[in-house]
Amino acid sequence: MELMMLSAKRYVFVVIFIIFLCGVWGVFSGGLTGNSIANSTPSSSINVQLLWQQNVLNCQAPFKADNGNKAWYLDQFQFYISDIKYGSEKAGWQKVNLTQTAFQAHETVLLGTNCRAAEQLSNMMKSSNWAIDIEQDNQILNDGTYIRFTLGVPFQVNHLNPLSQKSPLNLPSMFWVWQTGHKFMRLELATSDDQWLFHLGSTGCKSASVMRAPEQACRYPNTFHFELPLDKNQDDQPEFSVDLAELLNNVELTSASSCQSEQDKLSCQQLFDNLSPIKKSKNTSVESRVFKAVNIKRESAGSNVE
């Protein structure tokens, strides 16, 4: 009898151990594929398209900037947007309900691509996201024609410990230190013999040390607010574009002109000006050079662009 009881206990222990291993494997495999946050709620998407002068741009497509002859490539282009609202004449402005994914947390979305990570990690981790996932029961998707958002991370979560935050606010490559917080935009380009970068984030932040979060807003938040119309793509989904050529307008790409959001650096001032929206005089809407309704030469998708 005692032998039978011991065998039964061993059987129960083995079953529990197998269930535990399956759970651990599920957590780790989910993290590797970029889907560590599960959400069963069906969702709709607002797509974002990366362009260079109306041509689709990707990691494999070279482009020529500042009237030079060098062929530049993307190494990394990722940026956070937050405080997203969807608007229409019928319903006005309404806050969108974001689904929880590896690219969305705390009402913040990470968009863009990390070309170097994609090469290094192959299919082990999703390193690109060009969509804002919204809960399907959010009916404003049916009527909305405009989108409003902030380029940046909200102050209340910008300076928290990234190790304790949910993805995508826990990425080391998108964080400076506690005092300054996240890099709102990380753009890094390369040629065969040169490199250039632009890291956008808050500066002039005061705290006891660089490892402490500030209690008050930074002197230069370096956040930008946008409002723009939305187009519908071929699948009848709303979308807008980000034009890298407009962001780099009048910026000479050299290692010396790289920008880490210094207020007194000429290249940074030009980049800030390029990001700054243009207010229309006829109404309260705001027009952007960099973010705009999609205008794509679709036949050139996947080809080299200049």
Protein backbone atom coordinates (compact mmCIF):
# COMPACT_ATOMS: atom_id res chain seq x y z
CA MET A 1 0.00 0.00 0.00
CA GLU A 2 2.80 2.42 0.94
CA LEU A 3 4.57 1.58 -2.32
CA MET A 4 1.40 2.41 -4.30
CA MET A 5 1.03 5.73 -2.45
CA LEU A 6 4.66 6.64 -3.20
CA SER A 7 4.15 5.82 -6.88
CA ALA A 8 1.03 7.98 -7.00
CA LYS A 9 2.87 10.88 -5.35
CA ARG A 10 5.71 10.54 -7.86
CA TYR A 11 3.17 10.59 -10.70
CA VAL A 12 1.52 13.76 -9.36
CA PHE A 13 4.91 15.40 -8.89
CA VAL A 14 5.96 14.55 -12.47
CA VAL A 15 2.71 15.97 -13.88
CA ILE A 16 3.09 19.21 -11.89
CA PHE A 17 6.73 19.52 -12.98
CA ILE A 18 5.81 19.06 -16.66
CA ILE A 19 3.09 21.73 -16.38
CA PHE A 20 5.62 24.07 -14.75
CA LEU A 21 8.14 23.52 -17.56
CA CYS A 22 5.48 24.19 -20.19
CA GLY A 23 4.58 27.45 -18.46
CA VAL A 24 8.20 28.58 -18.30
CA TRP A 25 8.75 27.69 -21.96
CA GLY A 26 5.64 29.66 -22.92
CA VAL A 27 6.93 32.78 -21.18
CA PHE A 28 10.38 32.60 -22.75
CA SER A 29 9.22 31.64 -26.23
CA GLY A 30 6.70 34.47 -26.13
CA GLY A 31 9.46 36.92 -25.22
CA LEU A 32 11.69 35.73 -28.05
CA THR A 33 9.02 36.26 -30.66
CA GLY A 34 8.10 39.71 -29.40
CA ASN A 35 4.66 38.59 -28.19
CA SER A 36 5.27 38.27 -24.47
CA ILE A 37 2.07 40.17 -23.67
CA ALA A 38 -0.94 38.15 -24.67
CA ASN A 39 -4.25 39.72 -25.52
CA SER A 40 -7.20 37.78 -26.87
CA THR A 41 -9.19 40.89 -27.77
CA PRO A 42 -9.46 41.24 -31.56
CA SER A 43 -7.98 44.47 -32.83
CA SER A 44 -7.80 46.81 -35.78
CA SER A 45 -4.72 48.65 -36.92
CA ILE A 46 -3.60 52.06 -38.10
CA ASN A 47 -0.68 51.39 -40.41
CA VAL A 48 2.39 53.61 -40.67
CA GLN A 49 4.52 53.74 -43.80
CA LEU A 50 8.18 54.79 -43.91
CA LEU A 51 8.97 56.86 -47.00
CA TRP A 52 11.82 58.63 -48.71
CA GLN A 53 10.39 61.23 -51.08
CA GLN A 54 7.19 59.25 -51.69
CA ASN A 55 9.08 55.98 -52.13
CA VAL A 56 8.75 53.11 -49.67
CA LEU A 57 11.93 52.78 -47.62
CA ASN A 58 13.24 49.71 -45.82
CA CYS A 59 16.46 48.27 -44.44
CA GLN A 60 17.66 47.09 -47.86
CA ALA A 61 16.92 50.28 -49.81
CA PRO A 62 19.75 52.85 -50.10
CA PHE A 63 19.05 56.56 -50.45
CA LYS A 64 21.09 59.68 -51.20
CA ALA A 65 20.71 62.63 -48.83
CA ASP A 66 21.85 66.29 -48.72
CA ASN A 67 22.62 66.28 -52.46
CA GLY A 68 25.57 63.98 -51.87
CA ASN A 69 26.70 60.90 -53.75
CA LYS A 70 26.93 58.58 -50.77
CA ALA A 71 24.47 55.71 -50.51
CA TRP A 72 23.05 55.72 -46.99
CA TYR A 73 21.30 52.83 -45.29
CA LEU A 74 19.13 52.55 -42.20
CA ASP A 75 20.73 50.98 -39.16
CA GLN A 76 17.89 51.84 -36.81
CA PHE A 77 14.85 54.08 -36.93
CA GLN A 78 12.47 53.73 -33.99
CA PHE A 79 10.30 56.24 -32.17
CA TYR A 80 7.67 56.41 -29.43
CA ILE A 81 4.27 58.07 -29.84
CA SER A 82 1.73 58.57 -27.05
CA ASP A 83 -1.55 60.29 -26.15
CA ILE A 84 -3.14 59.00 -29.34
CA LYS A 85 -6.59 60.27 -30.32
CA TYR A 86 -8.78 59.55 -33.31
CA GLY A 87 -11.06 62.28 -34.65
CA SER A 88 -13.99 62.91 -36.94
CA GLU A 89 -16.42 65.72 -37.61
CA LYS A 90 -19.23 63.51 -36.33
CA ALA A 91 -17.77 62.36 -33.00
CA GLY A 92 -14.96 64.85 -32.34
CA TRP A 93 -11.74 63.71 -30.71
CA GLN A 94 -11.70 60.46 -28.75
CA LYS A 95 -8.91 58.60 -27.01
CA VAL A 96 -8.05 55.28 -28.62
CA ASN A 97 -7.93 52.05 -26.65
CA LEU A 98 -4.61 50.37 -27.38
CA THR A 99 -4.26 46.61 -27.24
CA GLN A 100 -1.43 45.32 -25.07
CA THR A 101 1.43 44.02 -27.19
CA ALA A 102 5.21 43.92 -26.99
CA PHE A 103 5.21 47.29 -28.79
CA GLN A 104 2.49 49.01 -26.76
CA ALA A 105 2.26 49.83 -23.04
CA HIS A 106 1.24 52.76 -20.82
CA GLU A 107 -0.64 54.40 -23.72
CA THR A 108 2.64 54.49 -25.65
CA VAL A 109 3.53 52.80 -28.95
CA LEU A 110 6.98 52.00 -30.32
CA LEU A 111 7.09 52.28 -34.11
CA GLY A 112 9.94 51.67 -36.53
CA THR A 113 12.59 49.11 -37.28
CA ASN A 114 15.96 48.02 -35.93
CA CYS A 115 17.82 46.72 -38.98
CA ARG A 116 20.92 45.64 -37.07
CA ALA A 117 18.87 43.64 -34.57
CA ALA A 118 16.97 41.99 -37.41
CA GLU A 119 20.26 40.84 -38.96
CA GLN A 120 21.72 39.62 -35.67
CA LEU A 121 18.63 37.92 -34.26
CA SER A 122 17.16 36.65 -37.52
CA ASN A 123 13.68 35.29 -36.71
CA MET A 124 14.26 34.96 -32.96
CA MET A 125 12.77 38.33 -32.14
CA LYS A 126 10.46 40.70 -33.94
CA SER A 127 12.42 43.93 -34.36
CA SER A 128 10.04 45.92 -36.57
CA ASN A 129 6.60 47.42 -35.98
CA TRP A 130 4.72 49.74 -38.30
CA ALA A 131 1.20 49.53 -36.89
CA ILE A 132 -0.85 50.96 -34.02
CA ASP A 133 -3.09 48.18 -32.73
CA ILE A 134 -6.47 49.34 -31.45
CA GLU A 135 -9.20 47.33 -29.75
CA GLN A 136 -11.84 46.47 -32.30
CA ASP A 137 -14.72 47.56 -30.10
CA ASN A 138 -13.42 51.13 -30.38
CA GLN A 139 -16.07 52.34 -32.86
CA ILE A 140 -14.26 55.56 -33.70
CA LEU A 141 -12.28 53.59 -36.27
CA ASN A 142 -15.37 53.47 -38.42
CA ASP A 143 -15.85 57.23 -38.61
CA GLY A 144 -12.46 58.76 -37.84
CA THR A 145 -10.57 60.70 -40.46
CA TYR A 146 -7.83 62.33 -38.35
CA ILE A 147 -5.22 61.21 -35.86
CA ARG A 148 -3.58 63.23 -33.10
CA PHE A 149 -0.52 62.09 -31.13
CA THR A 150 2.62 63.17 -29.30
CA LEU A 151 6.09 62.17 -30.39
CA GLY A 152 7.58 61.19 -27.03
CA VAL A 153 6.91 59.31 -23.79
CA PRO A 154 4.66 60.76 -21.06
CA PHE A 155 6.64 62.39 -18.24
CA GLN A 156 5.08 60.18 -15.55
CA VAL A 157 6.63 57.03 -17.09
CA ASN A 158 9.57 58.53 -19.01
CA HIS A 159 11.97 58.48 -16.07
CA LEU A 160 11.02 55.20 -14.38
CA ASN A 161 13.40 52.28 -14.04
CA PRO A 162 13.30 50.57 -17.45
CA LEU A 163 14.09 47.20 -15.85
CA SER A 164 10.70 47.25 -14.10
CA GLN A 165 8.68 48.56 -17.04
CA LYS A 166 6.70 46.64 -19.61
CA SER A 167 7.85 46.26 -23.18
CA PRO A 168 8.51 48.42 -25.18
CA LEU A 169 9.59 50.81 -22.39
CA ASN A 170 12.26 48.38 -21.20
CA LEU A 171 14.52 48.48 -24.27
CA PRO A 172 18.11 49.49 -23.36
CA SER A 173 18.74 50.93 -26.84
CA MET A 174 15.86 53.41 -26.37
CA PHE A 175 16.88 54.66 -22.92
CA TRP A 176 19.53 57.13 -21.72
CA VAL A 177 19.53 57.31 -17.89
CA TRP A 178 16.87 57.92 -15.23
CA GLN A 179 17.52 61.67 -15.24
CA THR A 180 16.83 62.20 -18.97
CA GLY A 181 14.67 59.15 -19.62
CA HIS A 182 13.90 57.53 -22.95
CA LYS A 183 15.11 58.33 -26.40
CA PHE A 184 11.87 59.37 -28.06
CA MET A 185 13.40 58.79 -31.47
CA ARG A 186 16.53 56.88 -32.43
CA LEU A 187 17.69 57.33 -36.01
CA GLU A 188 21.03 55.85 -37.03
CA LEU A 189 22.36 55.77 -40.60
CA ALA A 190 25.49 54.38 -42.18
CA THR A 191 27.45 54.31 -45.42
CA SER A 192 30.44 52.16 -46.31
CA ASP A 193 32.74 54.64 -44.53
CA ASP A 194 30.60 56.99 -42.42
CA GLN A 195 27.91 57.05 -39.74
CA TRP A 196 25.32 59.56 -38.54
CA LEU A 197 22.79 59.55 -35.72
CA PHE A 198 19.93 61.52 -34.20
CA HIS A 199 18.74 60.69 -30.69
CA LEU A 200 15.73 62.75 -29.61
CA GLY A 201 14.88 63.04 -25.93
CA SER A 202 14.37 65.41 -23.03
CA THR A 203 17.29 67.57 -21.84
CA GLY A 204 17.79 70.11 -19.06
CA CYS A 205 16.41 67.61 -16.52
CA LYS A 206 17.29 68.25 -12.87
CA SER A 207 17.67 65.54 -10.23
CA ALA A 208 20.07 64.57 -7.44
CA SER A 209 22.09 62.40 -9.85
CA VAL A 210 21.85 60.89 -13.31
CA MET A 211 20.48 57.75 -11.63
CA ARG A 212 17.55 59.64 -10.09
CA ALA A 213 14.34 60.67 -11.83
CA PRO A 214 13.46 64.39 -11.87
CA GLU A 215 10.44 65.51 -9.88
CA GLN A 216 9.56 68.30 -12.29
CA ALA A 217 9.37 68.49 -16.07
CA CYS A 218 12.65 68.96 -17.90
CA ARG A 219 13.56 72.40 -19.19
CA TYR A 220 13.55 71.07 -22.75
CA PRO A 221 10.97 68.27 -23.00
CA ASN A 222 11.58 67.94 -26.76
CA THR A 223 8.18 66.41 -27.38
CA PHE A 224 6.24 67.26 -30.53
CA HIS A 225 2.47 67.21 -31.09
CA PHE A 226 0.87 66.28 -34.39
CA GLU A 227 -2.55 66.25 -35.97
CA LEU A 228 -3.01 64.90 -39.49
CA PRO A 229 -5.52 63.34 -41.84
CA LEU A 230 -5.59 59.61 -42.48
CA ASP A 231 -5.77 57.78 -45.79
CA LYS A 232 -7.11 54.29 -46.36
CA ASN A 233 -4.79 51.67 -47.84
CA GLN A 234 -5.65 48.94 -50.31
CA ASP A 235 -7.11 46.83 -47.48
CA ASP A 236 -9.33 49.75 -46.40
CA GLN A 237 -7.29 50.27 -43.23
CA PRO A 238 -6.34 53.78 -42.05
CA GLU A 239 -2.70 54.76 -42.42
CA PHE A 240 -0.28 57.67 -42.41
CA SER A 241 3.38 58.07 -43.36
CA VAL A 242 6.66 59.31 -41.91
CA ASP A 243 8.94 60.87 -44.53
CA LEU A 244 12.62 60.53 -43.67
CA ALA A 245 13.59 62.99 -46.42
CA GLU A 246 11.59 65.73 -44.70
CA LEU A 247 13.17 64.95 -41.35
CA LEU A 248 16.67 65.27 -42.84
CA ASN A 249 15.92 68.34 -44.92
CA ASN A 250 18.85 70.83 -44.84
CA VAL A 251 20.89 68.53 -42.61
CA GLU A 252 24.38 67.59 -43.81
CA LEU A 253 25.02 64.00 -42.84
CA THR A 254 28.46 63.71 -41.28
CA SER A 255 29.65 62.25 -38.01
CA ALA A 256 30.24 65.82 -36.79
CA SER A 257 26.59 66.77 -37.37
CA SER A 258 25.20 63.89 -35.35
CA CYS A 259 22.69 65.12 -32.79
CA GLN A 260 21.99 64.04 -29.21
CA SER A 261 19.31 66.72 -28.68
CA GLU A 262 21.78 69.49 -27.81
CA GLN A 263 19.90 72.78 -27.85
CA ASP A 264 22.85 74.86 -29.06
CA LYS A 265 23.95 72.58 -31.92
CA LEU A 266 22.99 73.78 -35.41
CA SER A 267 22.16 70.34 -36.75
CA CYS A 268 19.86 69.70 -33.75
CA GLN A 269 18.14 73.03 -34.27
CA GLN A 270 17.48 72.14 -37.89
CA LEU A 271 16.11 68.71 -36.94
CA PHE A 272 13.86 70.28 -34.28
CA ASP A 273 12.61 72.74 -36.89
CA ASN A 274 11.90 69.94 -39.35
CA LEU A 275 9.89 68.09 -36.71
CA SER A 276 7.97 71.18 -35.61
CA PRO A 277 4.41 71.13 -37.01
CA ILE A 278 3.07 73.97 -39.11
CA LYS A 279 -0.11 75.53 -37.76
CA LYS A 280 -2.68 76.35 -40.39
CA SER A 281 -4.26 79.79 -40.27
CA LYS A 282 -7.73 78.73 -41.44
CA ASN A 283 -8.49 76.37 -38.57
CA THR A 284 -6.93 74.72 -35.54
CA SER A 285 -5.51 71.73 -37.39
CA VAL A 286 -1.76 71.24 -37.49
CA GLU A 287 0.18 70.21 -40.57
CA SER A 288 3.41 68.25 -40.36
CA ARG A 289 6.32 68.00 -42.77
CA VAL A 290 7.48 64.64 -41.46
CA PHE A 291 4.17 62.94 -40.58
CA LYS A 292 1.47 63.19 -43.21
CA ALA A 293 -1.22 61.38 -45.14
CA VAL A 294 0.31 58.62 -47.24
CA ASN A 295 1.42 59.57 -50.72
CA ILE A 296 3.28 56.59 -52.14
CA LYS A 297 4.70 55.68 -55.50
CA ARG A 298 3.72 52.07 -54.87
CA GLU A 299 5.34 50.74 -58.00
CA SER A 300 8.73 51.67 -56.52
CA ALA A 301 8.25 49.68 -53.33
CA GLY A 302 11.25 47.51 -52.63
CA SER A 303 13.49 49.26 -55.14
CA ASN A 304 16.42 51.51 -54.50
CA VAL A 305 15.49 55.14 -54.04
CA GLU A 306 17.39 58.41 -54.21
